[in-house]
Amino acid sequence: MQVRGFFESFQYAVSGVGYALRTQRNLRVHFVAGSAVLAASVYLGVNRHDLLILFFAISLVLITEMVNTAIETAVDLYINTFHPLAKIAKNVAAGAVLVSAINAVLVGIFVFYDYLAALLRRLF
């Protein structure tokens, strides 16, 4: 692959992330929530292993949200009237986001439990 082609591909990918962040409210919500979780983990002194797990859980949510956007856009491009298969495709893609978000919440609970318990013991 040529260097120019590689950088063009990279620019297209960055453009896709930018488009998704500009146009998808839920992605922005997940991005802000993930950023807040990462900031809280730094504040609480979460160890590197737990931080890595949090990062992967947050990334999974963002990735599934972007794949959901791509699937919904492709379905809308292909069909502009109601079709039960289009509904299934969109619902399953949205369901993937839901599963990844539930996973992220559970990961957050498991990771932060000991850190928050220690913080509460120090405060009270």
N, C-alpha and C. Protein backbone atom coordinates (compact mmCIF):
# COMPACT_ATOMS: atom_id res chain seq x y z
N MET A 1 0.85 -1.18 0.00
CA MET A 1 0.00 0.00 0.00
C MET A 1 0.89 1.24 0.00
N GLN A 2 0.53 2.20 -0.78
CA GLN A 2 1.29 3.44 -0.83
C GLN A 2 1.07 4.25 0.44
N VAL A 3 2.09 5.05 0.77
CA VAL A 3 2.00 5.89 1.97
C VAL A 3 0.83 6.86 1.84
N ARG A 4 0.70 7.46 0.65
CA ARG A 4 -0.39 8.41 0.45
C ARG A 4 -1.75 7.73 0.66
N GLY A 5 -1.90 6.52 0.13
CA GLY A 5 -3.15 5.79 0.30
C GLY A 5 -3.43 5.47 1.75
N PHE A 6 -2.36 5.15 2.50
CA PHE A 6 -2.52 4.86 3.92
C PHE A 6 -3.02 6.09 4.66
N PHE A 7 -2.40 7.24 4.40
CA PHE A 7 -2.81 8.46 5.09
C PHE A 7 -4.21 8.91 4.67
N GLU A 8 -4.57 8.69 3.41
CA GLU A 8 -5.93 9.01 2.97
C GLU A 8 -6.94 8.13 3.70
N SER A 9 -6.62 6.85 3.84
CA SER A 9 -7.51 5.93 4.56
C SER A 9 -7.66 6.37 6.01
N PHE A 10 -6.56 6.79 6.61
CA PHE A 10 -6.59 7.27 7.98
C PHE A 10 -7.47 8.51 8.09
N GLN A 11 -7.35 9.42 7.12
CA GLN A 11 -8.17 10.64 7.13
C GLN A 11 -9.65 10.30 6.98
N TYR A 12 -9.97 9.30 6.15
CA TYR A 12 -11.37 8.89 6.00
C TYR A 12 -11.90 8.34 7.33
N ALA A 13 -11.08 7.57 8.01
CA ALA A 13 -11.51 7.01 9.30
C ALA A 13 -11.73 8.11 10.33
N VAL A 14 -10.82 9.06 10.40
CA VAL A 14 -10.98 10.19 11.33
C VAL A 14 -12.23 10.99 10.96
N SER A 15 -12.47 11.15 9.68
CA SER A 15 -13.66 11.85 9.22
C SER A 15 -14.93 11.11 9.67
N GLY A 16 -14.89 9.78 9.62
CA GLY A 16 -16.04 8.99 10.07
C GLY A 16 -16.30 9.15 11.55
N VAL A 17 -15.24 9.16 12.34
CA VAL A 17 -15.39 9.38 13.79
C VAL A 17 -15.97 10.78 14.03
N GLY A 18 -15.43 11.76 13.33
CA GLY A 18 -15.93 13.14 13.48
C GLY A 18 -17.39 13.26 13.10
N TYR A 19 -17.78 12.63 11.98
CA TYR A 19 -19.17 12.66 11.55
C TYR A 19 -20.07 12.05 12.62
N ALA A 20 -19.67 10.89 13.13
CA ALA A 20 -20.48 10.21 14.14
C ALA A 20 -20.62 11.07 15.39
N LEU A 21 -19.53 11.69 15.83
CA LEU A 21 -19.60 12.54 17.03
C LEU A 21 -20.46 13.77 16.79
N ARG A 22 -20.40 14.33 15.59
CA ARG A 22 -21.20 15.52 15.29
C ARG A 22 -22.68 15.22 15.16
N THR A 23 -23.03 14.06 14.65
CA THR A 23 -24.43 13.80 14.29
C THR A 23 -25.17 12.84 15.20
N GLN A 24 -24.45 12.10 16.04
CA GLN A 24 -25.10 11.07 16.85
C GLN A 24 -25.08 11.45 18.33
N ARG A 25 -26.23 11.86 18.82
CA ARG A 25 -26.34 12.30 20.21
C ARG A 25 -25.91 11.21 21.19
N ASN A 26 -26.35 9.99 20.95
CA ASN A 26 -26.02 8.90 21.87
C ASN A 26 -24.52 8.65 21.92
N LEU A 27 -23.84 8.78 20.79
CA LEU A 27 -22.39 8.61 20.79
C LEU A 27 -21.73 9.69 21.63
N ARG A 28 -22.22 10.92 21.51
CA ARG A 28 -21.67 12.00 22.34
C ARG A 28 -21.90 11.73 23.82
N VAL A 29 -23.09 11.23 24.16
CA VAL A 29 -23.38 10.90 25.56
C VAL A 29 -22.42 9.82 26.05
N HIS A 30 -22.24 8.78 25.26
CA HIS A 30 -21.32 7.70 25.65
C HIS A 30 -19.89 8.20 25.74
N PHE A 31 -19.51 9.08 24.84
CA PHE A 31 -18.15 9.63 24.85
C PHE A 31 -17.91 10.45 26.11
N VAL A 32 -18.86 11.30 26.46
CA VAL A 32 -18.73 12.13 27.68
C VAL A 32 -18.73 11.24 28.92
N ALA A 33 -19.62 10.25 28.96
CA ALA A 33 -19.67 9.35 30.12
C ALA A 33 -18.36 8.57 30.24
N GLY A 34 -17.85 8.07 29.13
CA GLY A 34 -16.60 7.34 29.15
C GLY A 34 -15.44 8.21 29.60
N SER A 35 -15.42 9.45 29.13
CA SER A 35 -14.37 10.38 29.55
C SER A 35 -14.46 10.66 31.04
N ALA A 36 -15.68 10.80 31.56
CA ALA A 36 -15.86 11.04 33.00
C ALA A 36 -15.40 9.82 33.81
N VAL A 37 -15.68 8.63 33.32
CA VAL A 37 -15.24 7.42 34.00
C VAL A 37 -13.72 7.35 34.02
N LEU A 38 -13.09 7.65 32.90
CA LEU A 38 -11.62 7.62 32.86
C LEU A 38 -11.03 8.69 33.77
N ALA A 39 -11.63 9.87 33.82
CA ALA A 39 -11.15 10.92 34.72
C ALA A 39 -11.31 10.48 36.18
N ALA A 40 -12.45 9.89 36.50
CA ALA A 40 -12.67 9.41 37.87
C ALA A 40 -11.68 8.31 38.23
N SER A 41 -11.35 7.47 37.27
CA SER A 41 -10.41 6.39 37.56
C SER A 41 -9.01 6.92 37.84
N VAL A 42 -8.63 7.98 37.15
CA VAL A 42 -7.34 8.61 37.44
C VAL A 42 -7.37 9.25 38.82
N TYR A 43 -8.47 9.94 39.13
CA TYR A 43 -8.61 10.59 40.44
C TYR A 43 -8.56 9.58 41.58
N LEU A 44 -9.21 8.43 41.38
CA LEU A 44 -9.27 7.42 42.43
C LEU A 44 -8.03 6.54 42.47
N GLY A 45 -7.13 6.72 41.53
CA GLY A 45 -5.90 5.94 41.52
C GLY A 45 -6.09 4.50 41.09
N VAL A 46 -7.00 4.29 40.15
CA VAL A 46 -7.25 2.94 39.64
C VAL A 46 -5.96 2.41 39.02
N ASN A 47 -5.64 1.16 39.32
CA ASN A 47 -4.39 0.60 38.80
C ASN A 47 -4.46 0.40 37.28
N ARG A 48 -3.31 0.18 36.69
CA ARG A 48 -3.21 0.09 35.23
C ARG A 48 -4.04 -1.05 34.65
N HIS A 49 -4.07 -2.16 35.31
CA HIS A 49 -4.85 -3.30 34.83
C HIS A 49 -6.34 -2.96 34.77
N ASP A 50 -6.86 -2.40 35.87
CA ASP A 50 -8.27 -2.01 35.90
C ASP A 50 -8.57 -0.89 34.90
N LEU A 51 -7.64 0.04 34.76
CA LEU A 51 -7.80 1.12 33.79
C LEU A 51 -7.89 0.56 32.37
N LEU A 52 -7.10 -0.43 32.08
CA LEU A 52 -7.14 -1.07 30.76
C LEU A 52 -8.49 -1.73 30.52
N ILE A 53 -9.00 -2.40 31.54
CA ILE A 53 -10.31 -3.05 31.42
C ILE A 53 -11.40 -2.01 31.18
N LEU A 54 -11.34 -0.90 31.92
CA LEU A 54 -12.31 0.18 31.72
C LEU A 54 -12.21 0.75 30.30
N PHE A 55 -10.98 0.96 29.85
CA PHE A 55 -10.77 1.51 28.52
C PHE A 55 -11.39 0.60 27.45
N PHE A 56 -11.20 -0.71 27.59
CA PHE A 56 -11.77 -1.63 26.60
C PHE A 56 -13.30 -1.65 26.67
N ALA A 57 -13.87 -1.57 27.85
CA ALA A 57 -15.33 -1.55 27.97
C ALA A 57 -15.90 -0.29 27.34
N ILE A 58 -15.26 0.85 27.59
CA ILE A 58 -15.70 2.12 27.01
C ILE A 58 -15.56 2.09 25.49
N SER A 59 -14.42 1.58 25.03
CA SER A 59 -14.19 1.49 23.58
C SER A 59 -15.24 0.61 22.91
N LEU A 60 -15.61 -0.49 23.55
CA LEU A 60 -16.61 -1.38 22.99
C LEU A 60 -17.94 -0.66 22.79
N VAL A 61 -18.33 0.16 23.76
CA VAL A 61 -19.58 0.91 23.63
C VAL A 61 -19.49 1.89 22.46
N LEU A 62 -18.38 2.62 22.36
CA LEU A 62 -18.23 3.59 21.28
C LEU A 62 -18.20 2.89 19.92
N ILE A 63 -17.52 1.76 19.84
CA ILE A 63 -17.44 1.01 18.59
C ILE A 63 -18.82 0.51 18.18
N THR A 64 -19.56 -0.09 19.11
CA THR A 64 -20.88 -0.61 18.75
C THR A 64 -21.83 0.53 18.37
N GLU A 65 -21.70 1.67 19.02
CA GLU A 65 -22.54 2.82 18.66
C GLU A 65 -22.24 3.27 17.22
N MET A 66 -20.96 3.27 16.86
CA MET A 66 -20.60 3.67 15.50
C MET A 66 -21.03 2.63 14.46
N VAL A 67 -20.91 1.35 14.79
CA VAL A 67 -21.39 0.30 13.88
C VAL A 67 -22.90 0.40 13.74
N ASN A 68 -23.60 0.68 14.82
CA ASN A 68 -25.04 0.89 14.77
C ASN A 68 -25.38 2.03 13.81
N THR A 69 -24.65 3.12 13.91
CA THR A 69 -24.87 4.26 13.01
C THR A 69 -24.65 3.84 11.56
N ALA A 70 -23.58 3.10 11.31
CA ALA A 70 -23.29 2.66 9.94
C ALA A 70 -24.39 1.75 9.41
N ILE A 71 -24.87 0.83 10.23
CA ILE A 71 -25.93 -0.08 9.79
C ILE A 71 -27.22 0.68 9.52
N GLU A 72 -27.59 1.58 10.43
CA GLU A 72 -28.81 2.35 10.23
C GLU A 72 -28.72 3.22 8.98
N THR A 73 -27.57 3.82 8.74
CA THR A 73 -27.39 4.66 7.55
C THR A 73 -27.47 3.83 6.28
N ALA A 74 -26.84 2.65 6.28
CA ALA A 74 -26.88 1.78 5.10
C ALA A 74 -28.30 1.29 4.84
N VAL A 75 -29.03 0.94 5.88
CA VAL A 75 -30.41 0.50 5.71
C VAL A 75 -31.25 1.64 5.16
N ASP A 76 -31.08 2.84 5.70
CA ASP A 76 -31.83 4.00 5.21
C ASP A 76 -31.50 4.32 3.76
N LEU A 77 -30.26 4.11 3.37
CA LEU A 77 -29.85 4.34 1.98
C LEU A 77 -30.54 3.36 1.05
N TYR A 78 -30.66 2.13 1.50
CA TYR A 78 -31.21 1.07 0.66
C TYR A 78 -32.73 1.13 0.56
N ILE A 79 -33.39 1.45 1.65
CA ILE A 79 -34.85 1.40 1.68
C ILE A 79 -35.40 2.63 2.39
N ASN A 80 -36.39 3.25 1.77
CA ASN A 80 -36.95 4.45 2.39
C ASN A 80 -38.41 4.26 2.82
N THR A 81 -38.89 3.02 2.78
CA THR A 81 -40.21 2.69 3.29
C THR A 81 -40.05 1.63 4.38
N PHE A 82 -41.11 1.41 5.12
CA PHE A 82 -41.03 0.41 6.19
C PHE A 82 -40.86 -0.97 5.59
N HIS A 83 -39.95 -1.72 6.17
CA HIS A 83 -39.79 -3.13 5.83
C HIS A 83 -39.42 -3.85 7.11
N PRO A 84 -40.06 -5.00 7.38
CA PRO A 84 -39.79 -5.69 8.64
C PRO A 84 -38.33 -6.12 8.79
N LEU A 85 -37.65 -6.46 7.71
CA LEU A 85 -36.24 -6.85 7.81
C LEU A 85 -35.35 -5.64 8.13
N ALA A 86 -35.72 -4.48 7.60
CA ALA A 86 -34.97 -3.27 7.93
C ALA A 86 -35.12 -2.96 9.42
N LYS A 87 -36.33 -3.14 9.93
CA LYS A 87 -36.57 -2.92 11.36
C LYS A 87 -35.73 -3.88 12.20
N ILE A 88 -35.68 -5.15 11.79
CA ILE A 88 -34.88 -6.14 12.52
C ILE A 88 -33.40 -5.74 12.52
N ALA A 89 -32.88 -5.35 11.36
CA ALA A 89 -31.47 -4.96 11.27
C ALA A 89 -31.16 -3.80 12.21
N LYS A 90 -32.03 -2.80 12.20
CA LYS A 90 -31.82 -1.64 13.06
C LYS A 90 -31.95 -2.00 14.54
N ASN A 91 -32.94 -2.82 14.87
CA ASN A 91 -33.15 -3.20 16.27
C ASN A 91 -32.00 -4.06 16.80
N VAL A 92 -31.51 -4.96 15.98
CA VAL A 92 -30.39 -5.80 16.42
C VAL A 92 -29.14 -4.96 16.62
N ALA A 93 -28.89 -4.01 15.72
CA ALA A 93 -27.74 -3.12 15.88
C ALA A 93 -27.87 -2.29 17.15
N ALA A 94 -29.05 -1.78 17.41
CA ALA A 94 -29.28 -1.02 18.64
C ALA A 94 -29.15 -1.93 19.86
N GLY A 95 -29.57 -3.17 19.73
CA GLY A 95 -29.43 -4.13 20.81
C GLY A 95 -27.96 -4.40 21.15
N ALA A 96 -27.11 -4.41 20.12
CA ALA A 96 -25.67 -4.60 20.36
C ALA A 96 -25.12 -3.46 21.20
N VAL A 97 -25.59 -2.25 20.94
CA VAL A 97 -25.16 -1.10 21.75
C VAL A 97 -25.63 -1.28 23.19
N LEU A 98 -26.86 -1.72 23.36
CA LEU A 98 -27.40 -1.93 24.70
C LEU A 98 -26.58 -2.97 25.46
N VAL A 99 -26.27 -4.08 24.82
CA VAL A 99 -25.48 -5.13 25.47
C VAL A 99 -24.11 -4.60 25.87
N SER A 100 -23.46 -3.85 24.97
CA SER A 100 -22.13 -3.32 25.29
C SER A 100 -22.21 -2.28 26.41
N ALA A 101 -23.28 -1.49 26.45
CA ALA A 101 -23.43 -0.49 27.52
C ALA A 101 -23.67 -1.17 28.87
N ILE A 102 -24.48 -2.23 28.88
CA ILE A 102 -24.70 -2.98 30.13
C ILE A 102 -23.38 -3.59 30.59
N ASN A 103 -22.63 -4.14 29.65
CA ASN A 103 -21.31 -4.69 29.97
C ASN A 103 -20.43 -3.61 30.61
N ALA A 104 -20.41 -2.43 30.03
CA ALA A 104 -19.57 -1.35 30.55
C ALA A 104 -19.98 -0.95 31.96
N VAL A 105 -21.28 -0.90 32.22
CA VAL A 105 -21.76 -0.56 33.56
C VAL A 105 -21.32 -1.63 34.56
N LEU A 106 -21.47 -2.89 34.20
CA LEU A 106 -21.06 -3.97 35.10
C LEU A 106 -19.55 -3.95 35.34
N VAL A 107 -18.78 -3.72 34.29
CA VAL A 107 -17.33 -3.60 34.45
C VAL A 107 -17.01 -2.45 35.40
N GLY A 108 -17.68 -1.32 35.21
CA GLY A 108 -17.47 -0.17 36.08
C GLY A 108 -17.78 -0.47 37.53
N ILE A 109 -18.87 -1.19 37.76
CA ILE A 109 -19.24 -1.55 39.14
C ILE A 109 -18.16 -2.43 39.76
N PHE A 110 -17.72 -3.44 39.03
CA PHE A 110 -16.70 -4.34 39.56
C PHE A 110 -15.37 -3.63 39.80
N VAL A 111 -14.99 -2.75 38.88
CA VAL A 111 -13.70 -2.05 39.02
C VAL A 111 -13.76 -1.02 40.13
N PHE A 112 -14.81 -0.22 40.18
CA PHE A 112 -14.86 0.90 41.12
C PHE A 112 -15.30 0.51 42.52
N TYR A 113 -15.87 -0.65 42.70
CA TYR A 113 -16.41 -1.02 44.01
C TYR A 113 -15.39 -0.85 45.13
N ASP A 114 -14.24 -1.48 45.01
CA ASP A 114 -13.22 -1.40 46.07
C ASP A 114 -12.69 0.02 46.24
N TYR A 115 -12.50 0.73 45.13
CA TYR A 115 -11.97 2.10 45.21
C TYR A 115 -12.96 3.04 45.89
N LEU A 116 -14.24 2.90 45.54
CA LEU A 116 -15.25 3.76 46.17
C LEU A 116 -15.47 3.38 47.63
N ALA A 117 -15.43 2.09 47.93
CA ALA A 117 -15.57 1.66 49.32
C ALA A 117 -14.43 2.23 50.16
N ALA A 118 -13.21 2.20 49.66
CA ALA A 118 -12.06 2.75 50.38
C ALA A 118 -12.22 4.26 50.55
N LEU A 119 -12.70 4.94 49.53
CA LEU A 119 -12.89 6.40 49.61
C LEU A 119 -13.96 6.72 50.66
N LEU A 120 -15.05 5.98 50.69
CA LEU A 120 -16.11 6.22 51.68
C LEU A 120 -15.61 5.94 53.10
N ARG A 121 -14.78 4.92 53.26
CA ARG A 121 -14.23 4.63 54.60
C ARG A 121 -13.35 5.79 55.08
N ARG A 122 -12.60 6.38 54.17
CA ARG A 122 -11.74 7.52 54.55
C ARG A 122 -12.58 8.74 54.88
N LEU A 123 -13.68 8.94 54.18
CA LEU A 123 -14.51 10.11 54.41
C LEU A 123 -15.34 9.99 55.69
N PHE A 124 -15.77 8.79 56.02
CA PHE A 124 -16.65 8.60 57.18
C PHE A 124 -15.94 7.76 58.19
